[in-house]
Each structure stands twice: as C-alpha cells, then as structure tokens.
Amino acid sequence: MSTCDRCERVWRRRGERYAACNIIQHDRFGGGSVMVWGGISLEGRKNLHVLANGSLTAVRYRDEILRPIVRPYASAVGPGFLLMQDNAQHHVDREFRQFLDDERIDYIDWPSRSPDLNPIENLWDIMYRHIRRRQVAPQTVKELTDALVQVWEEIPQDTIRHLIRSMPRRC
C-alpha cells in the first residue's frame, strides 16, 4: 500500500515481521554514498568539502581537510579557535593528535558515543530533512552531492549560531 507521504505500508500477520514478502529493499539515492566535511562557527561556515572515492583515513583527513582548510582558518581566528570533531578513528589516532599539537591547533577531547553534544550532528539532521522534503529525491551520487552543497549553503547562519550556543545546555 503506497501513501502520498512516499511511505509504503505493509499489512502482516503476527510473527511475519521479517518474512520476505513483507520486506522491500531500497537503495537510497540510487545506491551510492557521499562523504562530506563541514566546518561551522558562530561567525560563518567553511564550504562543504566533498571527499571523493574511498574512505577517510587519518592521512587523508590531515592532507585534504586539516592542512588546506582547518589550519588557515585556525590561524585567521587566532587563540580562541577550538577544533571540535567526533571520535572517528582517524580523529583519535596518535599521529593525528601529534599533528594537531605540532600545528598548535587546540581541540576538544570528545566523550565516546556522544554525537548529541556536537552541534554539527544536528546540522546534518537538518540537511537530511531538507533533502527528504524535496519533490524529487536525488537519484545519483552527483544529484545527492549537488543537493548537499545547495542545502549547506541555504541554511541560515542564525540556525548554526543557535546550534552552537545550545551546547552549554547539552553538557
């Protein structure tokens, strides 16, 4: 049964929840995925950086994000700059931490499994909801990438400020 909200409903008997006839598999956005990096602050945001091909390693994160994007931004902000990131393996790697120390980039030691404290996680959710509301969902990786960049640029800076300023209430 299909509905106008694009959801499909299934009538099933008790005990048949995972029966093959009650499951419809879908590949979201045509089956591809896009990895992006975004930097936000009270004063603005960095352009959404799309990471093409493959997974993000500590070396790739350092070479594609930290050196060309974060380091110059941290220098421009000055002593008040504080890098906030999640506990992805490449963020907690010893060599990676040494790089941050060598570059004098201050960072927050983040508690494990606490994405609710990170304001950018809320921003990712806002972006996801914006894309889901579109009349036509992205069908290819390129369409998804274009949609992510467009939504990133359209989010008002006041929304980002509100998310950042809400941190003390969450901690």
C-alpha atoms as a PDB file:
ATOM      1  CA  MET A   1       0.000   0.000   0.000  1.00  0.00           C
ATOM      2  CA  SER A   2       1.507   3.376  -1.004  1.00  0.00           C
ATOM      3  CA  THR A   3       0.586   6.720   0.508  1.00  0.00           C
ATOM      4  CA  CYS A   4       1.076  10.340  -0.509  1.00  0.00           C
ATOM      5  CA  ASP A   5       3.917  10.702   2.028  1.00  0.00           C
ATOM      6  CA  ARG A   6       6.034   8.309  -0.087  1.00  0.00           C
ATOM      7  CA  CYS A   7       5.900   5.660   2.649  1.00  0.00           C
ATOM      8  CA  GLU A   8       4.882   2.120   1.860  1.00  0.00           C
ATOM      9  CA  ARG A   9       2.707   0.308   4.359  1.00  0.00           C
ATOM     10  CA  VAL A  10       2.553  -3.452   4.799  1.00  0.00           C
ATOM     11  CA  TRP A  11      -0.222  -5.450   6.406  1.00  0.00           C
ATOM     12  CA  ARG A  12       1.229  -8.514   8.035  1.00  0.00           C
ATOM     13  CA  ARG A  13       0.221 -11.200  10.477  1.00  0.00           C
ATOM     14  CA  ARG A  14       1.778 -11.653  13.891  1.00  0.00           C
ATOM     15  CA  GLY A  15       5.128 -13.414  13.596  1.00  0.00           C
ATOM     16  CA  GLU A  16       5.639 -12.435   9.922  1.00  0.00           C
ATOM     17  CA  ARG A  17       7.541  -9.215  10.507  1.00  0.00           C
ATOM     18  CA  TYR A  18      10.698 -10.306   8.672  1.00  0.00           C
ATOM     19  CA  ALA A  19       9.088 -12.596   6.110  1.00  0.00           C
ATOM     20  CA  ALA A  20      10.483 -11.887   2.633  1.00  0.00           C
ATOM     21  CA  CYS A  21       7.033 -10.979   1.320  1.00  0.00           C
ATOM     22  CA  ASN A  22       6.856  -8.122   3.865  1.00  0.00           C
ATOM     23  CA  ILE A  23      10.231  -6.561   3.106  1.00  0.00           C
ATOM     24  CA  ILE A  24      11.050  -4.193   0.271  1.00  0.00           C
ATOM     25  CA  GLN A  25      14.717  -3.310  -0.061  1.00  0.00           C
ATOM     26  CA  HIS A  26      15.642   0.110  -1.386  1.00  0.00           C
ATOM     27  CA  ASP A  27      18.956   1.641  -2.273  1.00  0.00           C
ATOM     28  CA  ARG A  28      18.839   5.235  -1.118  1.00  0.00           C
ATOM     29  CA  PHE A  29      19.794   7.825  -3.686  1.00  0.00           C
ATOM     30  CA  GLY A  30      20.443   5.201  -6.345  1.00  0.00           C
ATOM     31  CA  GLY A  31      22.719   3.101  -4.152  1.00  0.00           C
ATOM     32  CA  GLY A  32      25.701   5.420  -3.839  1.00  0.00           C
ATOM     33  CA  SER A  33      27.005   7.444  -0.959  1.00  0.00           C
ATOM     34  CA  VAL A  34      28.770  10.737  -0.443  1.00  0.00           C
ATOM     35  CA  MET A  35      31.175  11.641   2.339  1.00  0.00           C
ATOM     36  CA  VAL A  36      31.385  15.321   3.209  1.00  0.00           C
ATOM     37  CA  TRP A  37      33.169  17.501   5.747  1.00  0.00           C
ATOM     38  CA  GLY A  38      31.775  20.765   7.010  1.00  0.00           C
ATOM     39  CA  GLY A  39      33.181  23.367   9.363  1.00  0.00           C
ATOM     40  CA  ILE A  40      30.940  25.743  11.303  1.00  0.00           C
ATOM     41  CA  SER A  41      31.476  28.612  13.718  1.00  0.00           C
ATOM     42  CA  LEU A  42      29.458  31.420  15.253  1.00  0.00           C
ATOM     43  CA  GLU A  43      30.675  33.741  12.507  1.00  0.00           C
ATOM     44  CA  GLY A  44      30.315  31.548   9.443  1.00  0.00           C
ATOM     45  CA  ARG A  45      30.985  28.234   7.815  1.00  0.00           C
ATOM     46  CA  LYS A  46      33.521  26.694   5.502  1.00  0.00           C
ATOM     47  CA  ASN A  47      32.446  25.433   2.098  1.00  0.00           C
ATOM     48  CA  LEU A  48      31.163  21.882   2.254  1.00  0.00           C
ATOM     49  CA  HIS A  49      34.075  19.658   1.268  1.00  0.00           C
ATOM     50  CA  VAL A  50      33.125  16.583  -0.743  1.00  0.00           C
ATOM     51  CA  LEU A  51      35.505  13.648  -0.276  1.00  0.00           C
ATOM     52  CA  ALA A  52      35.566  11.656  -3.481  1.00  0.00           C
ATOM     53  CA  ASN A  53      36.472   7.981  -3.723  1.00  0.00           C
ATOM     54  CA  GLY A  54      37.110   5.799  -0.757  1.00  0.00           C
ATOM     55  CA  SER A  55      37.164   6.066   2.972  1.00  0.00           C
ATOM     56  CA  LEU A  56      38.638   8.780   5.126  1.00  0.00           C
ATOM     57  CA  THR A  57      41.933   7.848   6.753  1.00  0.00           C
ATOM     58  CA  ALA A  58      43.981   9.898   9.209  1.00  0.00           C
ATOM     59  CA  VAL A  59      46.428  10.793   6.421  1.00  0.00           C
ATOM     60  CA  ARG A  60      43.675  11.794   4.026  1.00  0.00           C
ATOM     61  CA  TYR A  61      41.914  13.818   6.730  1.00  0.00           C
ATOM     62  CA  ARG A  62      45.159  15.622   7.504  1.00  0.00           C
ATOM     63  CA  ASP A  63      46.036  16.265   3.848  1.00  0.00           C
ATOM     64  CA  GLU A  64      42.578  17.135   2.469  1.00  0.00           C
ATOM     65  CA  ILE A  65      40.928  18.829   5.448  1.00  0.00           C
ATOM     66  CA  LEU A  66      43.323  19.933   8.167  1.00  0.00           C
ATOM     67  CA  ARG A  67      46.212  21.361   6.157  1.00  0.00           C
ATOM     68  CA  PRO A  68      44.302  23.225   3.435  1.00  0.00           C
ATOM     69  CA  ILE A  69      41.126  24.184   5.349  1.00  0.00           C
ATOM     70  CA  VAL A  70      41.378  23.978   9.150  1.00  0.00           C
ATOM     71  CA  ARG A  71      44.937  25.225   9.668  1.00  0.00           C
ATOM     72  CA  PRO A  72      44.447  28.514   7.725  1.00  0.00           C
ATOM     73  CA  TYR A  73      41.074  29.074   9.389  1.00  0.00           C
ATOM     74  CA  ALA A  74      42.527  28.428  12.853  1.00  0.00           C
ATOM     75  CA  SER A  75      45.315  30.928  12.126  1.00  0.00           C
ATOM     76  CA  ALA A  76      42.795  33.546  10.984  1.00  0.00           C
ATOM     77  CA  VAL A  77      40.618  33.085  14.088  1.00  0.00           C
ATOM     78  CA  GLY A  78      43.583  33.163  16.439  1.00  0.00           C
ATOM     79  CA  PRO A  79      43.966  31.899  20.010  1.00  0.00           C
ATOM     80  CA  GLY A  80      40.219  31.376  20.535  1.00  0.00           C
ATOM     81  CA  PHE A  81      39.997  28.678  17.858  1.00  0.00           C
ATOM     82  CA  LEU A  82      38.954  25.253  19.150  1.00  0.00           C
ATOM     83  CA  LEU A  83      38.530  22.239  16.860  1.00  0.00           C
ATOM     84  CA  MET A  84      35.553  20.031  17.637  1.00  0.00           C
ATOM     85  CA  GLN A  85      35.186  16.663  15.956  1.00  0.00           C
ATOM     86  CA  ASP A  86      33.771  13.249  16.724  1.00  0.00           C
ATOM     87  CA  ASN A  87      35.714  10.204  17.897  1.00  0.00           C
ATOM     88  CA  ALA A  88      36.188   8.671  14.462  1.00  0.00           C
ATOM     89  CA  GLN A  89      39.317   6.535  14.425  1.00  0.00           C
ATOM     90  CA  HIS A  90      41.251   8.986  12.275  1.00  0.00           C
ATOM     91  CA  HIS A  91      40.482  11.785  14.781  1.00  0.00           C
ATOM     92  CA  VAL A  92      41.949   9.937  17.767  1.00  0.00           C
ATOM     93  CA  ASP A  93      44.972   8.415  16.042  1.00  0.00           C
ATOM     94  CA  ARG A  94      48.198   9.259  17.940  1.00  0.00           C
ATOM     95  CA  GLU A  95      49.975  10.625  14.856  1.00  0.00           C
ATOM     96  CA  PHE A  96      46.950  12.734  14.044  1.00  0.00           C
ATOM     97  CA  ARG A  97      46.878  14.198  17.563  1.00  0.00           C
ATOM     98  CA  GLN A  98      50.606  14.892  17.263  1.00  0.00           C
ATOM     99  CA  PHE A  99      49.935  16.797  14.036  1.00  0.00           C
ATOM    100  CA  LEU A 100      47.344  18.964  15.804  1.00  0.00           C
ATOM    101  CA  ASP A 101      49.777  19.624  18.658  1.00  0.00           C
ATOM    102  CA  ASP A 102      52.616  20.462  16.245  1.00  0.00           C
ATOM    103  CA  GLU A 103      50.357  22.887  14.370  1.00  0.00           C
ATOM    104  CA  ARG A 104      49.125  24.378  17.662  1.00  0.00           C
ATOM    105  CA  ILE A 105      45.515  23.583  16.818  1.00  0.00           C
ATOM    106  CA  ASP A 106      43.574  23.271  20.065  1.00  0.00           C
ATOM    107  CA  TYR A 107      40.895  20.604  20.096  1.00  0.00           C
ATOM    108  CA  ILE A 108      38.238  19.213  22.405  1.00  0.00           C
ATOM    109  CA  ASP A 109      38.705  15.686  23.763  1.00  0.00           C
ATOM    110  CA  TRP A 110      35.288  14.341  22.923  1.00  0.00           C
ATOM    111  CA  PRO A 111      33.427  11.806  25.081  1.00  0.00           C
ATOM    112  CA  SER A 112      32.745   8.469  23.387  1.00  0.00           C
ATOM    113  CA  ARG A 113      29.374   7.887  21.775  1.00  0.00           C
ATOM    114  CA  SER A 114      28.070  11.410  22.313  1.00  0.00           C
ATOM    115  CA  PRO A 115      27.033  12.810  18.940  1.00  0.00           C
ATOM    116  CA  ASP A 116      24.139  14.591  20.651  1.00  0.00           C
ATOM    117  CA  LEU A 117      26.641  17.081  22.103  1.00  0.00           C
ATOM    118  CA  ASN A 118      28.114  18.041  18.733  1.00  0.00           C
ATOM    119  CA  PRO A 119      26.167  20.852  17.021  1.00  0.00           C
ATOM    120  CA  ILE A 120      27.151  19.749  13.532  1.00  0.00           C
ATOM    121  CA  GLU A 121      25.332  16.446  14.069  1.00  0.00           C
ATOM    122  CA  ASN A 122      22.134  18.471  14.416  1.00  0.00           C
ATOM    123  CA  LEU A 123      23.065  20.340  11.249  1.00  0.00           C
ATOM    124  CA  TRP A 124      23.491  17.062   9.349  1.00  0.00           C
ATOM    125  CA  ASP A 125      19.985  16.107  10.507  1.00  0.00           C
ATOM    126  CA  ILE A 126      18.559  19.427   9.294  1.00  0.00           C
ATOM    127  CA  MET A 127      20.208  18.885   5.918  1.00  0.00           C
ATOM    128  CA  TYR A 128      18.878  15.324   5.702  1.00  0.00           C
ATOM    129  CA  ARG A 129      15.336  16.541   6.403  1.00  0.00           C
ATOM    130  CA  HIS A 130      15.627  19.312   3.780  1.00  0.00           C
ATOM    131  CA  ILE A 131      16.705  16.810   1.146  1.00  0.00           C
ATOM    132  CA  ARG A 132      13.968  14.328   2.118  1.00  0.00           C
ATOM    133  CA  ARG A 133      11.318  17.051   1.641  1.00  0.00           C
ATOM    134  CA  ARG A 134      12.245  17.639  -1.984  1.00  0.00           C
ATOM    135  CA  GLN A 135       9.628  16.777  -4.577  1.00  0.00           C
ATOM    136  CA  VAL A 136      12.139  14.597  -6.418  1.00  0.00           C
ATOM    137  CA  ALA A 137      14.729  12.750  -4.357  1.00  0.00           C
ATOM    138  CA  PRO A 138      18.314  12.647  -5.660  1.00  0.00           C
ATOM    139  CA  GLN A 139      18.751   9.584  -7.866  1.00  0.00           C
ATOM    140  CA  THR A 140      22.504   9.634  -8.453  1.00  0.00           C
ATOM    141  CA  VAL A 141      25.617  10.384  -6.413  1.00  0.00           C
ATOM    142  CA  LYS A 142      26.075  13.613  -8.372  1.00  0.00           C
ATOM    143  CA  GLU A 143      22.497  14.711  -7.654  1.00  0.00           C
ATOM    144  CA  LEU A 144      22.984  13.902  -3.965  1.00  0.00           C
ATOM    145  CA  THR A 145      26.279  15.813  -3.886  1.00  0.00           C
ATOM    146  CA  ASP A 146      24.685  18.832  -5.574  1.00  0.00           C
ATOM    147  CA  ALA A 147      21.723  18.699  -3.172  1.00  0.00           C
ATOM    148  CA  LEU A 148      24.013  18.537  -0.124  1.00  0.00           C
ATOM    149  CA  VAL A 149      26.068  21.519  -1.286  1.00  0.00           C
ATOM    150  CA  GLN A 150      22.931  23.534  -2.072  1.00  0.00           C
ATOM    151  CA  VAL A 151      21.254  22.779   1.264  1.00  0.00           C
ATOM    152  CA  TRP A 152      24.516  23.511   3.154  1.00  0.00           C
ATOM    153  CA  GLU A 153      24.688  26.956   1.557  1.00  0.00           C
ATOM    154  CA  GLU A 154      20.989  27.696   2.177  1.00  0.00           C
ATOM    155  CA  ILE A 155      20.970  27.025   5.928  1.00  0.00           C
ATOM    156  CA  PRO A 156      20.803  30.403   7.689  1.00  0.00           C
ATOM    157  CA  GLN A 157      23.803  31.372   9.813  1.00  0.00           C
ATOM    158  CA  ASP A 158      21.360  32.110  12.656  1.00  0.00           C
ATOM    159  CA  THR A 159      20.466  28.392  12.693  1.00  0.00           C
ATOM    160  CA  ILE A 160      24.145  27.487  13.030  1.00  0.00           C
ATOM    161  CA  ARG A 161      24.643  30.059  15.809  1.00  0.00           C
ATOM    162  CA  HIS A 162      21.637  28.667  17.663  1.00  0.00           C
ATOM    163  CA  LEU A 163      23.024  25.113  17.458  1.00  0.00           C
ATOM    164  CA  ILE A 164      26.447  26.211  18.729  1.00  0.00           C
ATOM    165  CA  ARG A 165      25.022  28.338  21.534  1.00  0.00           C
ATOM    166  CA  SER A 166      22.840  25.417  22.658  1.00  0.00           C
ATOM    167  CA  MET A 167      25.929  23.394  23.655  1.00  0.00           C
ATOM    168  CA  PRO A 168      26.099  24.537  27.305  1.00  0.00           C
ATOM    169  CA  ARG A 169      22.529  23.287  27.829  1.00  0.00           C
ATOM    170  CA  ARG A 170      23.510  19.869  26.476  1.00  0.00           C
ATOM    171  CA  CYS A 171      26.660  19.366  28.542  1.00  0.00           C
END
